[in-house]
Amino acid sequence: MGFKIRRSGERGFADHGWLVARHSFSFADYHDPAHMGFRSLRVINQDIVAPVAGFPPHGHRDMEIFTYVLEGVIEHRDSLGNHAQLRPGQIQVMSAGSGVRHSEYNPSKTDRLHLIQVWIEPERPGLRPRYAEWTPTPEQLAADKVLIISKDGREGSATISQDADVHRVKTLAGGVVTHELRAGRGLWFQLIAGEVDVRGVKLSVGDAVLTEDPGACSFKSSGPMEALLFDLA
């Protein structure tokens, strides 16, 4: 397979005024048969939500959904009784399972909300809905590579019902971050901020790279950068 690049400008785009969204895979009015997902990864949406705007109560089922806050505050309410506000670096994880309703708002009157929302297909349908939050420890906050989502919750990660590891990659002064991909698995690297070199290919903000070739994958940056790295069964 080798490496494939998904450039930021190739993503789906929607501007609703209160919401500016970029879709890595087909979503809502954006439909591209060539980009329906990657393994169990079904949605990567990068959203900017205007002050006092958001998504009113709506339903989901049979999907593992997590939201990573980049800027601002997100306010979450759901039919399970959860109510929370999350800030940059925090993650909310919701297993929609057999069915759940939730709302997501930007409660600020002045500041925008910038987030990435990811949907991963569960290992089986009809699971019991659940909700959790992940907040990095000081050690995790300082690390270049941190496991934030997994099936088994190791290393203090949040859990989902799928064999998928998600790492937050973040360097403050540049360097090299390496990931070992085992045979039979797939890697998706979504760059959030900064610039990265992957095997001589330059990635800019919003770009992604994917591969199913086993072995070491190195991501080199000369300055600050942030990304999500998915290791999928």
Protein backbone atom coordinates (compact mmCIF):
# COMPACT_ATOMS: atom_id res chain seq x y z
CA MET A 1 0.00 0.00 0.00
CA GLY A 2 2.75 2.44 0.93
CA PHE A 3 1.87 5.86 2.29
CA LYS A 4 -1.15 7.78 1.02
CA ILE A 5 -1.69 11.47 1.64
CA ARG A 6 -5.07 13.11 2.30
CA ARG A 7 -4.52 16.85 1.88
CA SER A 8 -6.50 19.30 3.97
CA GLY A 9 -7.91 21.04 0.89
CA GLU A 10 -9.34 17.76 -0.39
CA ARG A 11 -11.59 17.38 2.64
CA GLY A 12 -15.28 18.13 2.55
CA PHE A 13 -16.13 21.69 3.59
CA ALA A 14 -19.27 23.35 4.91
CA ASP A 15 -19.86 26.90 6.13
CA HIS A 16 -23.18 27.31 7.94
CA GLY A 17 -22.30 30.66 9.47
CA TRP A 18 -22.43 29.45 13.06
CA LEU A 19 -20.43 26.33 12.08
CA VAL A 20 -17.43 25.90 9.79
CA ALA A 21 -16.70 22.21 9.28
CA ARG A 22 -14.12 20.12 7.47
CA HIS A 23 -14.80 16.42 6.89
CA SER A 24 -12.07 13.84 6.27
CA PHE A 25 -14.73 11.30 5.27
CA SER A 26 -18.21 11.48 3.78
CA PHE A 27 -20.54 13.19 6.22
CA ALA A 28 -23.89 15.01 6.03
CA ASP A 29 -24.10 16.77 2.63
CA TYR A 30 -20.52 15.83 1.73
CA HIS A 31 -20.44 12.51 -0.09
CA ASP A 32 -17.34 11.01 -1.67
CA PRO A 33 -17.41 7.25 -2.41
CA ALA A 34 -13.60 7.21 -2.33
CA HIS A 35 -13.56 8.49 1.25
CA MET A 36 -16.14 6.62 3.31
CA GLY A 37 -13.78 5.78 6.18
CA PHE A 38 -10.61 3.87 6.98
CA ARG A 39 -11.01 0.50 8.69
CA SER A 40 -13.20 1.16 11.77
CA LEU A 41 -12.57 4.91 11.53
CA ARG A 42 -15.72 6.48 10.07
CA VAL A 43 -15.66 10.22 10.84
CA ILE A 44 -13.04 12.89 11.49
CA ASN A 45 -14.70 16.29 11.60
CA GLN A 46 -12.84 19.48 12.43
CA ASP A 47 -15.41 22.04 13.58
CA ILE A 48 -15.33 25.70 14.52
CA VAL A 49 -18.47 26.73 16.41
CA ALA A 50 -19.43 30.37 16.90
CA PRO A 51 -20.16 31.80 20.38
CA VAL A 52 -23.48 30.70 21.95
CA ALA A 53 -24.11 28.28 19.10
CA GLY A 54 -24.05 24.53 18.80
CA PHE A 55 -25.84 21.29 18.05
CA PRO A 56 -29.28 20.90 19.65
CA PRO A 57 -30.36 17.52 21.08
CA HIS A 58 -30.00 14.76 18.49
CA GLY A 59 -29.65 11.00 18.52
CA HIS A 60 -26.86 8.51 17.81
CA ARG A 61 -26.62 4.75 17.94
CA ASP A 62 -24.00 2.04 17.35
CA MET A 63 -21.02 4.41 17.19
CA GLU A 64 -18.07 5.20 19.47
CA ILE A 65 -17.75 8.99 19.48
CA PHE A 66 -15.05 11.14 21.03
CA THR A 67 -14.52 14.88 20.95
CA TYR A 68 -11.10 16.49 21.41
CA VAL A 69 -11.23 20.16 22.38
CA LEU A 70 -8.58 22.36 20.73
CA GLU A 71 -9.79 25.84 21.68
CA GLY A 72 -12.63 27.23 23.79
CA VAL A 73 -15.16 25.28 25.84
CA ILE A 74 -17.72 22.64 24.87
CA GLU A 75 -20.84 22.05 26.96
CA HIS A 76 -22.30 18.56 26.78
CA ARG A 77 -25.68 17.25 27.93
CA ASP A 78 -27.12 13.81 27.20
CA SER A 79 -30.07 11.54 27.85
CA LEU A 80 -27.96 9.52 30.31
CA GLY A 81 -28.00 12.49 32.69
CA ASN A 82 -24.47 13.74 32.04
CA HIS A 83 -23.70 17.46 31.97
CA ALA A 84 -20.15 18.75 31.62
CA GLN A 85 -17.96 21.49 30.20
CA LEU A 86 -14.62 20.48 28.70
CA ARG A 87 -11.60 22.60 27.80
CA PRO A 88 -8.54 22.27 25.53
CA GLY A 89 -6.69 19.00 25.93
CA GLN A 90 -9.69 17.22 27.42
CA ILE A 91 -11.69 14.53 25.66
CA GLN A 92 -15.27 13.38 26.02
CA VAL A 93 -16.07 9.81 25.00
CA MET A 94 -19.58 8.57 24.31
CA SER A 95 -20.55 5.05 23.35
CA ALA A 96 -23.89 5.58 21.64
CA GLY A 97 -24.64 1.86 21.68
CA SER A 98 -28.34 1.03 21.57
CA GLY A 99 -29.20 4.73 21.45
CA VAL A 100 -28.48 8.05 23.15
CA ARG A 101 -29.40 11.71 22.64
CA HIS A 102 -27.06 14.59 23.36
CA SER A 103 -26.44 18.27 22.70
CA GLU A 104 -23.15 20.11 22.24
CA TYR A 105 -22.84 23.88 22.63
CA ASN A 106 -20.31 26.65 22.84
CA PRO A 107 -21.36 28.43 26.05
CA SER A 108 -19.04 31.41 25.56
CA LYS A 109 -20.53 34.74 24.50
CA THR A 110 -17.24 35.90 22.96
CA ASP A 111 -14.92 32.99 22.08
CA ARG A 112 -15.18 30.40 19.35
CA LEU A 113 -15.05 26.64 20.00
CA HIS A 114 -12.60 24.60 17.94
CA LEU A 115 -12.79 20.80 18.17
CA ILE A 116 -12.17 17.54 16.42
CA GLN A 117 -14.88 14.91 16.61
CA VAL A 118 -14.19 11.30 15.72
CA TRP A 119 -16.60 8.41 15.13
CA ILE A 120 -15.35 4.83 15.29
CA GLU A 121 -17.56 1.85 14.51
CA PRO A 122 -18.02 -0.45 17.53
CA GLU A 123 -17.07 -4.10 17.58
CA ARG A 124 -20.76 -5.05 17.72
CA PRO A 125 -24.16 -3.28 17.70
CA GLY A 126 -26.55 -2.82 20.57
CA LEU A 127 -24.03 -2.07 23.32
CA ARG A 128 -25.07 -0.28 26.49
CA PRO A 129 -24.66 3.50 26.07
CA ARG A 130 -22.05 5.15 28.30
CA TYR A 131 -20.19 8.43 28.74
CA ALA A 132 -16.73 9.28 30.08
CA GLU A 133 -14.21 12.12 30.15
CA TRP A 134 -10.42 12.07 29.85
CA THR A 135 -8.17 14.74 31.35
CA PRO A 136 -4.39 14.49 30.93
CA THR A 137 -2.17 14.19 33.98
CA PRO A 138 0.84 16.57 34.19
CA GLU A 139 3.03 13.72 32.92
CA GLN A 140 0.72 13.02 29.98
CA LEU A 141 0.48 16.73 29.20
CA ALA A 142 4.27 16.96 28.91
CA ALA A 143 4.76 13.76 26.86
CA ASP A 144 5.33 13.83 23.09
CA LYS A 145 3.06 10.81 22.55
CA VAL A 146 0.20 9.76 24.81
CA LEU A 147 -2.35 6.96 24.45
CA ILE A 148 -5.72 8.67 24.92
CA ILE A 149 -8.18 6.04 23.60
CA SER A 150 -7.96 2.24 23.65
CA LYS A 151 -10.08 -0.86 24.03
CA ASP A 152 -8.53 -1.92 27.35
CA GLY A 153 -7.89 1.42 29.09
CA ARG A 154 -4.17 0.83 29.52
CA GLU A 155 -1.81 3.68 30.33
CA GLY A 156 -4.69 5.68 31.76
CA SER A 157 -6.52 5.98 28.43
CA ALA A 158 -10.27 6.27 27.92
CA THR A 159 -11.97 3.13 26.62
CA ILE A 160 -14.07 2.38 23.55
CA SER A 161 -15.61 -0.87 22.31
CA GLN A 162 -13.26 -1.39 19.38
CA ASP A 163 -9.68 -2.53 18.83
CA ALA A 164 -8.40 0.96 18.12
CA ASP A 165 -5.58 2.88 19.78
CA VAL A 166 -5.58 6.66 19.50
CA HIS A 167 -2.53 8.68 20.48
CA ARG A 168 -2.20 12.40 21.00
CA VAL A 169 1.10 13.49 19.48
CA LYS A 170 2.40 16.89 20.55
CA THR A 171 5.85 18.47 20.52
CA LEU A 172 6.69 21.94 21.80
CA ALA A 173 10.13 22.34 20.23
CA GLY A 174 10.28 19.86 17.36
CA GLY A 175 11.79 16.41 17.17
CA VAL A 176 10.88 12.94 15.96
CA VAL A 177 7.96 10.81 17.15
CA THR A 178 7.93 7.15 16.08
CA HIS A 179 5.15 4.58 16.01
CA GLU A 180 5.50 0.86 15.36
CA LEU A 181 2.63 -0.52 13.28
CA ARG A 182 2.03 -4.25 13.64
CA ALA A 183 1.15 -6.47 10.69
CA GLY A 184 -2.56 -6.52 9.84
CA ARG A 185 -3.26 -3.06 11.23
CA GLY A 186 -3.71 0.39 9.71
CA LEU A 187 -2.37 3.81 10.67
CA TRP A 188 -4.03 7.19 10.14
CA PHE A 189 -2.12 10.34 11.20
CA GLN A 190 -4.16 13.57 11.31
CA LEU A 191 -2.09 16.74 11.65
CA ILE A 192 -3.77 19.43 13.75
CA ALA A 193 -1.04 22.06 14.06
CA GLY A 194 2.49 22.65 12.75
CA GLU A 195 4.37 20.94 9.95
CA VAL A 196 5.63 17.36 9.76
CA ASP A 197 7.94 15.40 7.49
CA VAL A 198 6.97 11.77 6.81
CA ARG A 199 9.47 9.88 4.64
CA GLY A 200 10.37 13.08 2.83
CA VAL A 201 6.76 14.19 2.34
CA LYS A 202 5.74 17.47 3.96
CA LEU A 203 2.44 17.59 5.84
CA SER A 204 0.76 20.89 6.66
CA VAL A 205 -2.10 21.74 9.00
CA GLY A 206 -5.14 19.55 8.28
CA ASP A 207 -3.23 17.02 6.16
CA ALA A 208 -3.34 13.31 6.92
CA VAL A 209 -1.24 10.27 6.01
CA LEU A 210 -2.36 6.64 6.06
CA THR A 211 -0.65 3.31 5.64
CA GLU A 212 -1.18 -0.40 6.22
CA ASP A 213 2.50 -1.30 5.86
CA PRO A 214 3.91 -2.77 9.09
CA GLY A 215 7.01 -1.32 10.65
CA ALA A 216 8.23 1.92 12.18
CA CYS A 217 6.64 5.21 11.09
CA SER A 218 8.53 8.39 12.00
CA PHE A 219 7.07 11.89 12.12
CA LYS A 220 9.62 14.70 12.20
CA SER A 221 8.88 18.32 13.04
CA SER A 222 11.19 21.31 13.30
CA GLY A 223 8.87 23.21 15.64
CA PRO A 224 5.68 22.85 17.67
CA MET A 225 3.14 20.40 16.28
CA GLU A 226 0.03 18.49 17.34
CA ALA A 227 -1.68 15.49 15.79
CA LEU A 228 -3.91 12.47 16.42
CA LEU A 229 -2.47 9.07 15.49
CA PHE A 230 -4.86 6.15 14.99
CA ASP A 231 -3.68 2.52 15.12
CA LEU A 232 -6.62 0.40 13.90
CA ALA A 233 -7.38 -3.31 13.69
